[in-house]
Structure formats: structure tokens, C-alpha cells
């Protein structure tokens, strides 16, 4: 025997759990979104819901701790007869891809 289908009115309301980001998470997100420190402060404060004055020291401390990305040097062992080699890994950013949207070519007929 089948159970009768429950209607939406019989079901309990859906509970949504909201967890605001931590200060470290908000600062990391702000650093990825903006280069200017003041913009980072505004973004982080908006994400957390705190005043700008409380967030500013955290953003400034994180800006000092985050150095400019430099090439990484990785030492690898070449083997027993070879000396270790230095491999330089450089990261390059790609220019943004711009796609033009065009309509159909006009052929003059209707």
C-alpha cells in the first residue's frame, strides 16, 4: 500500500543556517577582489558586518604579511652522479579574453 503524498503545507519550514565569514576569510576575499587597501577594508567590513575601524587593522596586517609574488625556486636532486638542479617557475597572467558579439551577416534578402 502506498503512502499518501505530503503537501507542502504539511512539511515543516526549511531552516537555513547562516554563518558569516571569519575576519581572515573576509580579508583574503577582499585582497583577491581589490588592490587598493581602502577598498579591501570596505569589502571585508561589508562581508562581516563590522565597522570599518575594526576591520582596518586586520587588512593592514594582512597586506604587510602578503609579499609580492616572486618566482619560486625548487631544488631537485638530479641523481647520484649529478648535482642538484635549480628550476625556476614563473607565473604569468593572461590578458583578458574579449569576445565580440556579432549578429548574422546581412545578405540583402528578406
N, C-alpha and C. Protein backbone atom coordinates (compact mmCIF):
# COMPACT_ATOMS: atom_id res chain seq x y z
N UNK A 1 0.83 -1.17 0.00
CA UNK A 1 0.00 0.00 0.00
C UNK A 1 0.88 1.25 0.00
N UNK A 2 0.61 2.21 -0.88
CA UNK A 2 1.39 3.45 -0.99
C UNK A 2 0.99 4.44 0.09
N UNK A 3 2.01 5.20 0.54
CA UNK A 3 1.73 6.28 1.48
C UNK A 3 1.18 7.46 0.71
N UNK A 4 0.28 8.18 1.31
CA UNK A 4 -0.23 9.37 0.60
C UNK A 4 0.86 10.45 0.53
N UNK A 5 0.89 11.18 -0.57
CA UNK A 5 1.90 12.24 -0.76
C UNK A 5 1.60 13.39 0.19
N UNK A 6 2.66 13.91 0.79
CA UNK A 6 2.51 15.04 1.69
C UNK A 6 2.47 16.33 0.89
N UNK A 7 1.64 17.22 1.28
CA UNK A 7 1.62 18.52 0.61
C UNK A 7 2.66 19.42 1.26
N UNK A 8 2.98 20.52 0.61
CA UNK A 8 3.98 21.44 1.14
C UNK A 8 3.53 22.08 2.45
N UNK A 9 2.24 22.15 2.68
CA UNK A 9 1.74 22.76 3.90
C UNK A 9 1.96 21.84 5.10
N UNK A 10 2.06 20.54 4.86
CA UNK A 10 2.27 19.60 5.96
C UNK A 10 3.73 19.54 6.40
N UNK A 11 4.65 19.97 5.55
CA UNK A 11 6.07 19.89 5.86
C UNK A 11 6.50 21.03 6.78
N UNK A 12 7.50 20.80 7.63
CA UNK A 12 7.98 21.90 8.47
C UNK A 12 8.74 22.92 7.62
N UNK A 13 8.86 24.15 8.12
CA UNK A 13 9.58 25.17 7.33
C UNK A 13 11.06 24.81 7.22
N UNK A 14 11.67 25.24 6.12
CA UNK A 14 13.09 24.98 5.88
C UNK A 14 13.90 25.94 6.72
N UNK A 15 14.87 25.37 7.46
CA UNK A 15 15.75 26.21 8.27
C UNK A 15 17.07 26.39 7.53
N UNK A 16 17.50 27.63 7.42
CA UNK A 16 18.75 27.96 6.75
C UNK A 16 19.74 28.44 7.81
N UNK A 17 20.90 27.82 7.81
CA UNK A 17 21.93 28.22 8.77
C UNK A 17 22.82 29.25 8.11
N UNK A 18 23.00 30.39 8.75
CA UNK A 18 23.83 31.46 8.19
C UNK A 18 25.06 31.65 9.06
N UNK A 19 26.20 31.46 8.45
CA UNK A 19 27.46 31.68 9.16
C UNK A 19 28.24 32.76 8.43
N UNK A 20 28.41 33.93 9.06
CA UNK A 20 29.21 34.96 8.40
C UNK A 20 30.68 34.51 8.33
N UNK A 21 31.43 35.00 7.36
CA UNK A 21 32.83 34.59 7.26
C UNK A 21 33.64 35.12 8.43
N UNK A 22 34.75 34.45 8.70
CA UNK A 22 35.66 34.95 9.72
C UNK A 22 36.40 36.16 9.16
N UNK A 23 37.09 36.87 10.04
CA UNK A 23 37.83 38.06 9.59
C UNK A 23 38.91 37.66 8.59
N UNK A 24 39.60 36.55 8.85
CA UNK A 24 40.66 36.11 7.94
C UNK A 24 40.10 35.74 6.57
N UNK A 25 38.94 35.10 6.54
CA UNK A 25 38.31 34.74 5.26
C UNK A 25 37.87 35.98 4.50
N UNK A 26 37.29 36.95 5.21
CA UNK A 26 36.83 38.18 4.57
C UNK A 26 38.00 38.99 4.03
N UNK A 27 39.10 39.04 4.77
CA UNK A 27 40.29 39.79 4.33
C UNK A 27 40.90 39.12 3.10
N UNK A 28 40.96 37.80 3.10
CA UNK A 28 41.51 37.08 1.94
C UNK A 28 40.65 37.32 0.71
N UNK A 29 39.34 37.30 0.87
CA UNK A 29 38.44 37.56 -0.26
C UNK A 29 38.60 38.99 -0.76
N UNK A 30 38.72 39.93 0.16
CA UNK A 30 38.88 41.34 -0.23
C UNK A 30 40.19 41.56 -0.96
N UNK A 31 41.27 40.88 -0.55
CA UNK A 31 42.55 41.03 -1.22
C UNK A 31 42.49 40.48 -2.64
N UNK A 32 41.71 39.43 -2.84
CA UNK A 32 41.58 38.87 -4.18
C UNK A 32 40.70 39.74 -5.08
N UNK A 33 39.79 40.52 -4.48
CA UNK A 33 38.88 41.32 -5.28
C UNK A 33 39.41 42.71 -5.61
N UNK A 34 40.25 43.28 -4.75
CA UNK A 34 40.71 44.65 -4.96
C UNK A 34 42.18 44.79 -4.60
N UNK A 35 42.85 45.75 -5.25
CA UNK A 35 44.26 46.02 -4.96
C UNK A 35 44.42 47.15 -3.94
N UNK A 36 43.50 48.09 -3.94
CA UNK A 36 43.57 49.24 -3.03
C UNK A 36 43.19 48.80 -1.62
N UNK A 37 43.96 49.23 -0.63
CA UNK A 37 43.75 48.82 0.76
C UNK A 37 42.41 49.32 1.29
N UNK A 38 42.03 50.55 0.95
CA UNK A 38 40.76 51.10 1.44
C UNK A 38 39.57 50.33 0.87
N UNK A 39 39.67 49.94 -0.39
CA UNK A 39 38.61 49.12 -0.98
C UNK A 39 38.55 47.76 -0.29
N UNK A 40 39.71 47.21 0.05
CA UNK A 40 39.74 45.93 0.75
C UNK A 40 39.07 46.04 2.11
N UNK A 41 39.31 47.17 2.79
CA UNK A 41 38.69 47.39 4.10
C UNK A 41 37.16 47.43 3.95
N UNK A 42 36.67 48.16 2.94
CA UNK A 42 35.23 48.26 2.73
C UNK A 42 34.61 46.92 2.39
N UNK A 43 35.28 46.15 1.53
CA UNK A 43 34.75 44.84 1.14
C UNK A 43 34.71 43.90 2.33
N UNK A 44 35.80 43.84 3.08
CA UNK A 44 35.85 42.94 4.24
C UNK A 44 34.81 43.34 5.29
N UNK A 45 34.67 44.63 5.54
CA UNK A 45 33.69 45.09 6.52
C UNK A 45 32.27 44.76 6.07
N UNK A 46 32.02 44.88 4.77
CA UNK A 46 30.70 44.54 4.25
C UNK A 46 30.40 43.06 4.36
N UNK A 47 31.40 42.22 4.16
CA UNK A 47 31.19 40.78 4.25
C UNK A 47 30.92 40.33 5.69
N UNK A 48 31.62 40.94 6.63
CA UNK A 48 31.49 40.53 8.03
C UNK A 48 30.34 41.26 8.72
N UNK A 49 30.12 42.51 8.34
CA UNK A 49 29.10 43.30 9.01
C UNK A 49 29.64 44.08 10.19
N UNK A 50 30.94 44.36 10.17
CA UNK A 50 31.57 45.14 11.23
C UNK A 50 31.90 46.53 10.72
N UNK A 51 32.13 47.50 11.62
CA UNK A 51 32.53 48.84 11.18
C UNK A 51 33.92 48.82 10.56
N UNK A 52 34.18 49.83 9.73
CA UNK A 52 35.46 49.92 9.02
C UNK A 52 36.64 50.01 9.98
N UNK A 53 36.46 50.71 11.10
CA UNK A 53 37.57 50.90 12.05
C UNK A 53 38.02 49.59 12.69
N UNK A 54 37.12 48.63 12.84
CA UNK A 54 37.50 47.36 13.44
C UNK A 54 38.21 46.44 12.44
N UNK A 55 37.91 46.60 11.17
CA UNK A 55 38.46 45.72 10.14
C UNK A 55 39.80 46.24 9.60
N UNK A 56 39.99 47.55 9.61
CA UNK A 56 41.18 48.17 9.01
C UNK A 56 42.50 47.59 9.55
N UNK A 57 42.68 47.40 10.88
CA UNK A 57 43.96 46.85 11.35
C UNK A 57 44.22 45.44 10.83
N UNK A 58 43.17 44.65 10.68
CA UNK A 58 43.33 43.28 10.18
C UNK A 58 43.78 43.29 8.71
N UNK A 59 43.18 44.19 7.92
CA UNK A 59 43.54 44.28 6.50
C UNK A 59 44.97 44.79 6.34
N UNK A 60 45.35 45.78 7.14
CA UNK A 60 46.70 46.32 7.05
C UNK A 60 47.74 45.28 7.47
N UNK A 61 47.44 44.49 8.50
CA UNK A 61 48.36 43.44 8.92
C UNK A 61 48.50 42.36 7.86
N UNK A 62 47.39 42.04 7.19
CA UNK A 62 47.43 41.02 6.15
C UNK A 62 48.15 41.53 4.91
N UNK A 63 48.05 42.84 4.64
CA UNK A 63 48.73 43.41 3.46
C UNK A 63 50.24 43.36 3.65
N UNK A 64 50.73 43.57 4.88
CA UNK A 64 52.16 43.50 5.14
C UNK A 64 52.67 42.07 5.07
N UNK A 65 51.84 41.13 5.50
CA UNK A 65 52.25 39.73 5.53
C UNK A 65 52.25 39.10 4.15
N UNK A 66 51.49 39.65 3.23
CA UNK A 66 51.39 39.08 1.88
C UNK A 66 52.44 39.73 0.98
N UNK A 67 53.55 39.06 0.72
CA UNK A 67 54.60 39.65 -0.12
C UNK A 67 54.21 39.58 -1.61
N UNK A 68 54.94 40.35 -2.39
CA UNK A 68 54.76 40.30 -3.84
C UNK A 68 55.14 38.92 -4.32
N UNK A 69 54.36 38.37 -5.22
CA UNK A 69 54.64 37.03 -5.71
C UNK A 69 55.89 37.02 -6.57
N UNK A 70 56.86 36.27 -6.15
CA UNK A 70 58.12 36.16 -6.86
C UNK A 70 58.23 34.75 -7.45
N UNK A 71 59.11 34.55 -8.42
CA UNK A 71 59.29 33.21 -8.94
C UNK A 71 59.75 32.26 -7.83
N UNK A 72 59.26 31.05 -7.91
CA UNK A 72 59.62 30.06 -6.90
C UNK A 72 60.83 29.29 -7.38
N UNK A 73 61.71 28.95 -6.46
CA UNK A 73 62.87 28.13 -6.79
C UNK A 73 62.68 26.77 -6.14
N UNK A 74 62.79 25.76 -6.95
CA UNK A 74 62.61 24.40 -6.48
C UNK A 74 63.90 23.64 -6.75
N UNK A 75 64.50 23.09 -5.71
CA UNK A 75 65.71 22.29 -5.89
C UNK A 75 65.30 20.84 -6.08
N UNK A 76 65.85 20.22 -7.10
CA UNK A 76 65.56 18.81 -7.32
C UNK A 76 66.86 18.04 -7.35
N UNK A 77 66.82 16.84 -6.87
CA UNK A 77 68.02 16.01 -6.90
C UNK A 77 68.10 15.36 -8.27
N UNK A 78 69.22 15.55 -8.91
CA UNK A 78 69.40 15.01 -10.26
C UNK A 78 69.77 13.55 -10.27
N UNK A 79 70.30 13.04 -9.24
CA UNK A 79 70.73 11.65 -9.19
C UNK A 79 72.02 11.56 -8.40
N UNK A 80 72.64 10.39 -8.39
CA UNK A 80 73.85 10.23 -7.60
C UNK A 80 75.05 10.90 -8.25
N UNK A 81 75.10 10.90 -9.58
CA UNK A 81 76.27 11.46 -10.25
C UNK A 81 76.10 12.94 -10.57
N UNK A 82 74.88 13.47 -10.50
CA UNK A 82 74.64 14.86 -10.87
C UNK A 82 74.44 15.73 -9.63
N UNK A 83 74.73 16.99 -9.79
CA UNK A 83 74.48 17.97 -8.73
C UNK A 83 73.01 18.38 -8.79
N UNK A 84 72.46 18.89 -7.71
CA UNK A 84 71.06 19.33 -7.75
C UNK A 84 70.87 20.47 -8.75
N UNK A 85 69.73 20.44 -9.41
CA UNK A 85 69.41 21.48 -10.40
C UNK A 85 68.42 22.47 -9.80
N UNK A 86 68.49 23.70 -10.25
CA UNK A 86 67.54 24.72 -9.83
C UNK A 86 66.53 24.91 -10.94
N UNK A 87 65.27 24.81 -10.59
CA UNK A 87 64.18 25.02 -11.54
C UNK A 87 63.46 26.28 -11.13
N UNK A 88 63.26 27.20 -12.07
CA UNK A 88 62.56 28.45 -11.78
C UNK A 88 61.18 28.36 -12.40
N UNK A 89 60.16 28.57 -11.56
CA UNK A 89 58.78 28.54 -12.01
C UNK A 89 58.27 29.97 -11.99
N UNK A 90 57.85 30.46 -13.15
CA UNK A 90 57.33 31.83 -13.23
C UNK A 90 55.86 31.77 -13.57
N UNK A 91 55.09 32.60 -12.90
CA UNK A 91 53.67 32.67 -13.17
C UNK A 91 53.41 33.90 -14.01
N UNK A 92 52.70 33.70 -15.10
CA UNK A 92 52.33 34.83 -15.95
C UNK A 92 50.81 34.95 -15.97
N UNK A 93 50.33 36.17 -15.98
CA UNK A 93 48.90 36.37 -16.09
C UNK A 93 48.55 36.52 -17.55
N UNK A 94 47.43 36.00 -17.90
CA UNK A 94 46.97 36.12 -19.29
C UNK A 94 46.12 37.37 -19.44
N UNK A 95 46.19 38.00 -20.61
CA UNK A 95 45.32 39.15 -20.82
C UNK A 95 43.86 38.67 -20.89
N UNK A 96 42.93 39.52 -20.51
CA UNK A 96 41.53 39.10 -20.53
C UNK A 96 41.06 38.80 -21.95
N UNK A 97 40.22 37.81 -22.08
CA UNK A 97 39.69 37.40 -23.37
C UNK A 97 38.47 38.25 -23.67
N UNK A 98 38.48 38.93 -24.81
CA UNK A 98 37.38 39.78 -25.21
C UNK A 98 36.70 39.13 -26.40
N UNK A 99 35.42 38.87 -26.26
CA UNK A 99 34.66 38.24 -27.34
C UNK A 99 33.64 39.25 -27.84
N UNK A 100 33.70 39.53 -29.13
CA UNK A 100 32.74 40.46 -29.71
C UNK A 100 31.53 39.67 -30.16
N UNK A 101 30.38 40.19 -29.85
CA UNK A 101 29.16 39.53 -30.26
C UNK A 101 28.65 40.19 -31.53
N UNK A 102 28.51 39.40 -32.54
CA UNK A 102 28.03 39.93 -33.82
C UNK A 102 26.76 39.22 -34.22
N UNK A 103 25.93 39.94 -34.95
CA UNK A 103 24.71 39.34 -35.45
C UNK A 103 24.99 38.61 -36.76
N UNK A 104 23.95 38.14 -37.38
CA UNK A 104 24.12 37.46 -38.67
C UNK A 104 24.53 38.47 -39.73
N UNK A 105 25.30 38.04 -40.69
CA UNK A 105 25.62 38.96 -41.79
C UNK A 105 24.38 39.27 -42.60
N UNK A 106 24.28 40.51 -43.04
CA UNK A 106 23.13 40.93 -43.81
C UNK A 106 23.32 40.53 -45.26
N UNK A 107 22.38 39.75 -45.80
CA UNK A 107 22.53 39.30 -47.21
C UNK A 107 21.64 40.10 -48.16
N UNK A 108 20.81 41.03 -47.66
CA UNK A 108 20.01 41.90 -48.54
C UNK A 108 18.65 41.31 -48.87
N UNK A 109 18.42 40.06 -48.56
CA UNK A 109 17.11 39.44 -48.88
C UNK A 109 16.23 39.46 -47.64
N UNK A 110 14.95 39.29 -47.87
CA UNK A 110 14.01 39.15 -46.75
C UNK A 110 13.26 37.89 -46.86
